[in-house]
Amino acid sequence: MKNDINKIQFNVFKGKLTRFRFANDSKRRIGMTARNLYIMLQCDITYKQFCMSIKESHLRIDTDYQFTDKNVLLSLSSVQAILVMSNSELSWQLHHALTDLIHNGFSDLN
């Protein structure tokens, strides 16, 4: 089923975005887990392959993403980069929705 661009709303990210700190850094970040992004993108590869593609990309470990015991944490900029690299209709719709959400100061999540 093809998603209509008008149907991708900000609330698609509600409950998916989280605040976290990387282990080597005291800065708080907003991002999401790779598992949530994998589910949103409806990938045709396995989750393990998805995580390996993150590791093999030009994203910087401990700056853009971090592996933990249970998850891969992704900063918002890395989420946007992965959406662009995915280069599908759905990924571009999600990218535009996330960009609009950031531009509106996350006020649309309330």
N, C-alpha and C. Protein backbone atom coordinates (compact mmCIF):
# COMPACT_ATOMS: atom_id res chain seq x y z
N MET A 1 0.84 -1.18 0.00
CA MET A 1 0.00 0.00 0.00
C MET A 1 0.88 1.24 0.00
N LYS A 2 0.68 2.09 -0.96
CA LYS A 2 1.49 3.29 -1.08
C LYS A 2 0.96 4.35 -0.12
N ASN A 3 1.88 4.96 0.63
CA ASN A 3 1.50 6.01 1.57
C ASN A 3 1.34 7.33 0.84
N ASP A 4 0.29 8.03 1.14
CA ASP A 4 0.07 9.36 0.60
C ASP A 4 0.87 10.34 1.44
N ILE A 5 1.57 11.28 0.80
CA ILE A 5 2.44 12.20 1.53
C ILE A 5 1.66 13.02 2.55
N ASN A 6 0.40 13.29 2.30
CA ASN A 6 -0.40 14.06 3.25
C ASN A 6 -0.75 13.25 4.49
N LYS A 7 -0.65 11.93 4.41
CA LYS A 7 -1.00 11.09 5.55
C LYS A 7 0.15 10.94 6.54
N ILE A 8 1.38 11.24 6.12
CA ILE A 8 2.52 11.16 7.04
C ILE A 8 2.49 12.43 7.88
N GLN A 9 2.15 12.27 9.13
CA GLN A 9 2.03 13.39 10.04
C GLN A 9 3.13 13.32 11.08
N PHE A 10 3.24 14.40 11.86
CA PHE A 10 4.26 14.46 12.90
C PHE A 10 4.08 13.36 13.93
N ASN A 11 2.82 12.98 14.19
CA ASN A 11 2.57 12.01 15.26
C ASN A 11 3.11 10.62 14.92
N VAL A 12 3.60 10.42 13.70
CA VAL A 12 4.23 9.14 13.38
C VAL A 12 5.49 8.95 14.24
N PHE A 13 6.07 10.04 14.72
CA PHE A 13 7.26 9.98 15.57
C PHE A 13 6.91 9.99 17.05
N LYS A 14 5.65 10.17 17.39
CA LYS A 14 5.24 10.21 18.79
C LYS A 14 5.52 8.86 19.45
N GLY A 15 6.20 8.92 20.58
CA GLY A 15 6.56 7.70 21.29
C GLY A 15 7.80 7.02 20.74
N LYS A 16 8.31 7.49 19.62
CA LYS A 16 9.50 6.89 19.01
C LYS A 16 10.76 7.69 19.34
N LEU A 17 10.61 9.00 19.51
CA LEU A 17 11.75 9.84 19.85
C LEU A 17 12.02 9.76 21.34
N THR A 18 13.28 9.77 21.70
CA THR A 18 13.66 9.66 23.10
C THR A 18 14.86 10.56 23.39
N ARG A 19 15.02 10.93 24.65
CA ARG A 19 16.21 11.67 25.08
C ARG A 19 17.21 10.68 25.63
N PHE A 20 18.47 10.88 25.32
CA PHE A 20 19.51 9.98 25.83
C PHE A 20 20.85 10.71 25.83
N ARG A 21 21.82 10.09 26.47
CA ARG A 21 23.20 10.56 26.47
C ARG A 21 24.09 9.42 26.02
N PHE A 22 25.03 9.72 25.17
CA PHE A 22 26.02 8.72 24.82
C PHE A 22 26.95 8.53 26.00
N ALA A 23 27.53 7.35 26.13
CA ALA A 23 28.35 7.01 27.30
C ALA A 23 29.57 7.92 27.44
N ASN A 24 30.16 8.35 26.34
CA ASN A 24 31.38 9.16 26.40
C ASN A 24 31.11 10.66 26.41
N ASP A 25 29.86 11.06 26.52
CA ASP A 25 29.48 12.45 26.34
C ASP A 25 28.40 12.81 27.35
N SER A 26 28.44 14.03 27.86
CA SER A 26 27.42 14.43 28.83
C SER A 26 26.27 15.21 28.18
N LYS A 27 26.34 15.43 26.87
CA LYS A 27 25.29 16.18 26.19
C LYS A 27 24.03 15.33 26.07
N ARG A 28 22.89 15.96 26.34
CA ARG A 28 21.62 15.27 26.10
C ARG A 28 21.28 15.39 24.63
N ARG A 29 20.76 14.33 24.08
CA ARG A 29 20.39 14.30 22.66
C ARG A 29 18.97 13.79 22.52
N ILE A 30 18.38 14.15 21.41
CA ILE A 30 17.09 13.58 21.04
C ILE A 30 17.35 12.69 19.84
N GLY A 31 16.80 11.52 19.87
CA GLY A 31 16.99 10.59 18.76
C GLY A 31 16.02 9.44 18.87
N MET A 32 16.37 8.35 18.26
CA MET A 32 15.52 7.17 18.32
C MET A 32 16.38 5.92 18.18
N THR A 33 15.79 4.81 18.46
CA THR A 33 16.51 3.55 18.33
C THR A 33 16.46 3.08 16.88
N ALA A 34 17.45 2.32 16.50
CA ALA A 34 17.48 1.78 15.14
C ALA A 34 16.30 0.85 14.90
N ARG A 35 15.87 0.14 15.94
CA ARG A 35 14.73 -0.78 15.79
C ARG A 35 13.46 -0.02 15.41
N ASN A 36 13.21 1.12 16.06
CA ASN A 36 12.03 1.92 15.71
C ASN A 36 12.11 2.43 14.28
N LEU A 37 13.29 2.89 13.88
CA LEU A 37 13.46 3.37 12.51
C LEU A 37 13.30 2.23 11.51
N TYR A 38 13.84 1.08 11.83
CA TYR A 38 13.72 -0.10 10.97
C TYR A 38 12.25 -0.46 10.75
N ILE A 39 11.47 -0.43 11.82
CA ILE A 39 10.04 -0.75 11.72
C ILE A 39 9.31 0.31 10.89
N MET A 40 9.64 1.58 11.11
CA MET A 40 8.98 2.66 10.37
C MET A 40 9.27 2.58 8.87
N LEU A 41 10.49 2.18 8.53
CA LEU A 41 10.88 2.13 7.12
C LEU A 41 10.37 0.90 6.38
N GLN A 42 9.86 -0.06 7.12
CA GLN A 42 9.34 -1.29 6.51
C GLN A 42 10.39 -1.90 5.57
N CYS A 43 11.58 -2.09 6.11
CA CYS A 43 12.73 -2.57 5.32
C CYS A 43 12.52 -3.98 4.79
N ASP A 44 13.13 -4.23 3.65
CA ASP A 44 13.09 -5.58 3.08
C ASP A 44 14.37 -6.36 3.38
N ILE A 45 15.15 -5.87 4.34
CA ILE A 45 16.33 -6.57 4.82
C ILE A 45 16.12 -6.89 6.29
N THR A 46 16.96 -7.74 6.84
CA THR A 46 16.81 -8.09 8.26
C THR A 46 17.29 -6.94 9.13
N TYR A 47 16.88 -6.97 10.38
CA TYR A 47 17.31 -5.94 11.33
C TYR A 47 18.83 -5.98 11.50
N LYS A 48 19.39 -7.16 11.52
CA LYS A 48 20.85 -7.30 11.66
C LYS A 48 21.56 -6.65 10.48
N GLN A 49 21.06 -6.85 9.26
CA GLN A 49 21.65 -6.22 8.08
C GLN A 49 21.49 -4.70 8.15
N PHE A 50 20.35 -4.24 8.67
CA PHE A 50 20.11 -2.81 8.82
C PHE A 50 21.15 -2.20 9.76
N CYS A 51 21.41 -2.86 10.88
CA CYS A 51 22.40 -2.36 11.85
C CYS A 51 23.81 -2.40 11.26
N MET A 52 24.11 -3.44 10.48
CA MET A 52 25.43 -3.52 9.84
C MET A 52 25.60 -2.40 8.82
N SER A 53 24.53 -2.04 8.12
CA SER A 53 24.64 -0.95 7.15
C SER A 53 24.88 0.38 7.86
N ILE A 54 24.35 0.54 9.06
CA ILE A 54 24.64 1.74 9.85
C ILE A 54 26.11 1.76 10.22
N LYS A 55 26.60 0.62 10.68
CA LYS A 55 28.00 0.52 11.10
C LYS A 55 28.95 0.77 9.93
N GLU A 56 28.59 0.32 8.74
CA GLU A 56 29.46 0.46 7.57
C GLU A 56 29.29 1.79 6.85
N SER A 57 28.34 2.60 7.27
CA SER A 57 28.11 3.90 6.63
C SER A 57 29.16 4.91 7.09
N HIS A 58 29.03 6.12 6.61
CA HIS A 58 29.96 7.17 7.00
C HIS A 58 29.52 7.89 8.26
N LEU A 59 28.50 7.37 8.94
CA LEU A 59 28.09 7.95 10.21
C LEU A 59 29.18 7.70 11.24
N ARG A 60 29.35 8.64 12.16
CA ARG A 60 30.44 8.56 13.14
C ARG A 60 29.96 7.88 14.41
N ILE A 61 30.65 6.83 14.81
CA ILE A 61 30.30 6.12 16.04
C ILE A 61 30.55 7.04 17.23
N ASP A 62 29.69 6.98 18.21
CA ASP A 62 29.72 7.79 19.43
C ASP A 62 29.47 9.27 19.17
N THR A 63 29.19 9.65 17.94
CA THR A 63 28.77 11.01 17.63
C THR A 63 27.38 10.98 17.00
N ASP A 64 27.20 10.15 16.00
CA ASP A 64 25.91 10.02 15.31
C ASP A 64 25.10 8.83 15.80
N TYR A 65 25.78 7.81 16.26
CA TYR A 65 25.09 6.61 16.75
C TYR A 65 25.97 5.92 17.78
N GLN A 66 25.35 5.06 18.57
CA GLN A 66 26.09 4.28 19.55
C GLN A 66 25.42 2.94 19.75
N PHE A 67 26.22 1.90 19.77
CA PHE A 67 25.73 0.56 20.07
C PHE A 67 25.65 0.40 21.58
N THR A 68 24.53 -0.08 22.08
CA THR A 68 24.39 -0.42 23.49
C THR A 68 24.13 -1.92 23.58
N ASP A 69 23.92 -2.41 24.79
CA ASP A 69 23.65 -3.84 24.96
C ASP A 69 22.38 -4.28 24.24
N LYS A 70 21.37 -3.40 24.23
CA LYS A 70 20.06 -3.78 23.70
C LYS A 70 19.68 -3.08 22.40
N ASN A 71 20.25 -1.93 22.13
CA ASN A 71 19.81 -1.12 21.00
C ASN A 71 20.98 -0.43 20.31
N VAL A 72 20.66 0.16 19.18
CA VAL A 72 21.54 1.12 18.54
C VAL A 72 20.83 2.45 18.66
N LEU A 73 21.46 3.41 19.34
CA LEU A 73 20.88 4.74 19.52
C LEU A 73 21.33 5.63 18.38
N LEU A 74 20.39 6.32 17.76
CA LEU A 74 20.67 7.19 16.63
C LEU A 74 20.33 8.62 16.97
N SER A 75 21.24 9.56 16.69
CA SER A 75 20.91 10.97 16.86
C SER A 75 19.93 11.38 15.75
N LEU A 76 19.29 12.52 15.93
CA LEU A 76 18.33 12.97 14.90
C LEU A 76 19.00 13.18 13.55
N SER A 77 20.22 13.72 13.58
CA SER A 77 20.91 13.94 12.30
C SER A 77 21.21 12.61 11.60
N SER A 78 21.54 11.58 12.38
CA SER A 78 21.79 10.29 11.74
C SER A 78 20.50 9.66 11.24
N VAL A 79 19.39 9.89 11.94
CA VAL A 79 18.09 9.41 11.46
C VAL A 79 17.78 10.06 10.12
N GLN A 80 18.00 11.37 10.03
CA GLN A 80 17.76 12.07 8.77
C GLN A 80 18.67 11.54 7.66
N ALA A 81 19.94 11.30 7.99
CA ALA A 81 20.88 10.79 6.99
C ALA A 81 20.46 9.40 6.50
N ILE A 82 20.04 8.55 7.41
CA ILE A 82 19.61 7.20 7.02
C ILE A 82 18.36 7.27 6.15
N LEU A 83 17.45 8.18 6.48
CA LEU A 83 16.24 8.34 5.66
C LEU A 83 16.60 8.77 4.25
N VAL A 84 17.56 9.69 4.11
CA VAL A 84 17.99 10.14 2.79
C VAL A 84 18.68 9.00 2.04
N MET A 85 19.54 8.25 2.73
CA MET A 85 20.26 7.15 2.08
C MET A 85 19.31 6.03 1.65
N SER A 86 18.20 5.87 2.37
CA SER A 86 17.24 4.83 2.01
C SER A 86 16.59 5.12 0.67
N ASN A 87 16.38 6.39 0.38
CA ASN A 87 15.92 6.86 -0.93
C ASN A 87 14.70 6.11 -1.46
N SER A 88 13.67 6.02 -0.61
CA SER A 88 12.40 5.46 -1.05
C SER A 88 11.32 6.52 -0.84
N GLU A 89 10.18 6.30 -1.40
CA GLU A 89 9.08 7.25 -1.24
C GLU A 89 8.74 7.43 0.24
N LEU A 90 8.64 6.32 0.96
CA LEU A 90 8.32 6.37 2.38
C LEU A 90 9.41 7.08 3.17
N SER A 91 10.67 6.79 2.87
CA SER A 91 11.76 7.42 3.63
C SER A 91 11.79 8.93 3.41
N TRP A 92 11.50 9.38 2.20
CA TRP A 92 11.47 10.82 1.96
C TRP A 92 10.28 11.47 2.66
N GLN A 93 9.15 10.79 2.71
CA GLN A 93 7.99 11.33 3.43
C GLN A 93 8.31 11.45 4.92
N LEU A 94 8.95 10.43 5.48
CA LEU A 94 9.35 10.47 6.89
C LEU A 94 10.39 11.56 7.14
N HIS A 95 11.32 11.72 6.20
CA HIS A 95 12.34 12.76 6.33
C HIS A 95 11.70 14.14 6.37
N HIS A 96 10.76 14.40 5.48
CA HIS A 96 10.09 15.70 5.46
C HIS A 96 9.27 15.92 6.73
N ALA A 97 8.60 14.88 7.21
CA ALA A 97 7.82 15.00 8.45
C ALA A 97 8.74 15.29 9.63
N LEU A 98 9.90 14.62 9.70
CA LEU A 98 10.84 14.85 10.79
C LEU A 98 11.44 16.24 10.71
N THR A 99 11.78 16.69 9.51
CA THR A 99 12.32 18.03 9.33
C THR A 99 11.30 19.08 9.75
N ASP A 100 10.05 18.91 9.38
CA ASP A 100 9.00 19.84 9.80
C ASP A 100 8.81 19.81 11.31
N LEU A 101 8.90 18.65 11.90
CA LEU A 101 8.77 18.51 13.35
C LEU A 101 9.88 19.27 14.06
N ILE A 102 11.11 19.14 13.58
CA ILE A 102 12.24 19.87 14.16
C ILE A 102 12.05 21.36 13.97
N HIS A 103 11.64 21.75 12.76
CA HIS A 103 11.43 23.17 12.44
C HIS A 103 10.37 23.80 13.36
N ASN A 104 9.36 23.02 13.72
CA ASN A 104 8.29 23.52 14.59
C ASN A 104 8.62 23.36 16.07
N GLY A 105 9.84 23.01 16.39
CA GLY A 105 10.26 22.93 17.78
C GLY A 105 9.63 21.78 18.55
N PHE A 106 9.27 20.71 17.87
CA PHE A 106 8.67 19.52 18.48
C PHE A 106 7.32 19.80 19.14
N SER A 107 6.77 20.97 18.89
CA SER A 107 5.49 21.33 19.52
C SER A 107 4.34 20.47 19.00
N ASP A 108 4.50 19.88 17.84
CA ASP A 108 3.43 19.06 17.26
C ASP A 108 3.30 17.70 17.91
N LEU A 109 4.22 17.34 18.80
CA LEU A 109 4.14 16.05 19.48
C LEU A 109 3.22 16.10 20.69
N ASN A 110 2.90 17.28 21.14
CA ASN A 110 2.05 17.41 22.35
C ASN A 110 0.61 17.12 22.06
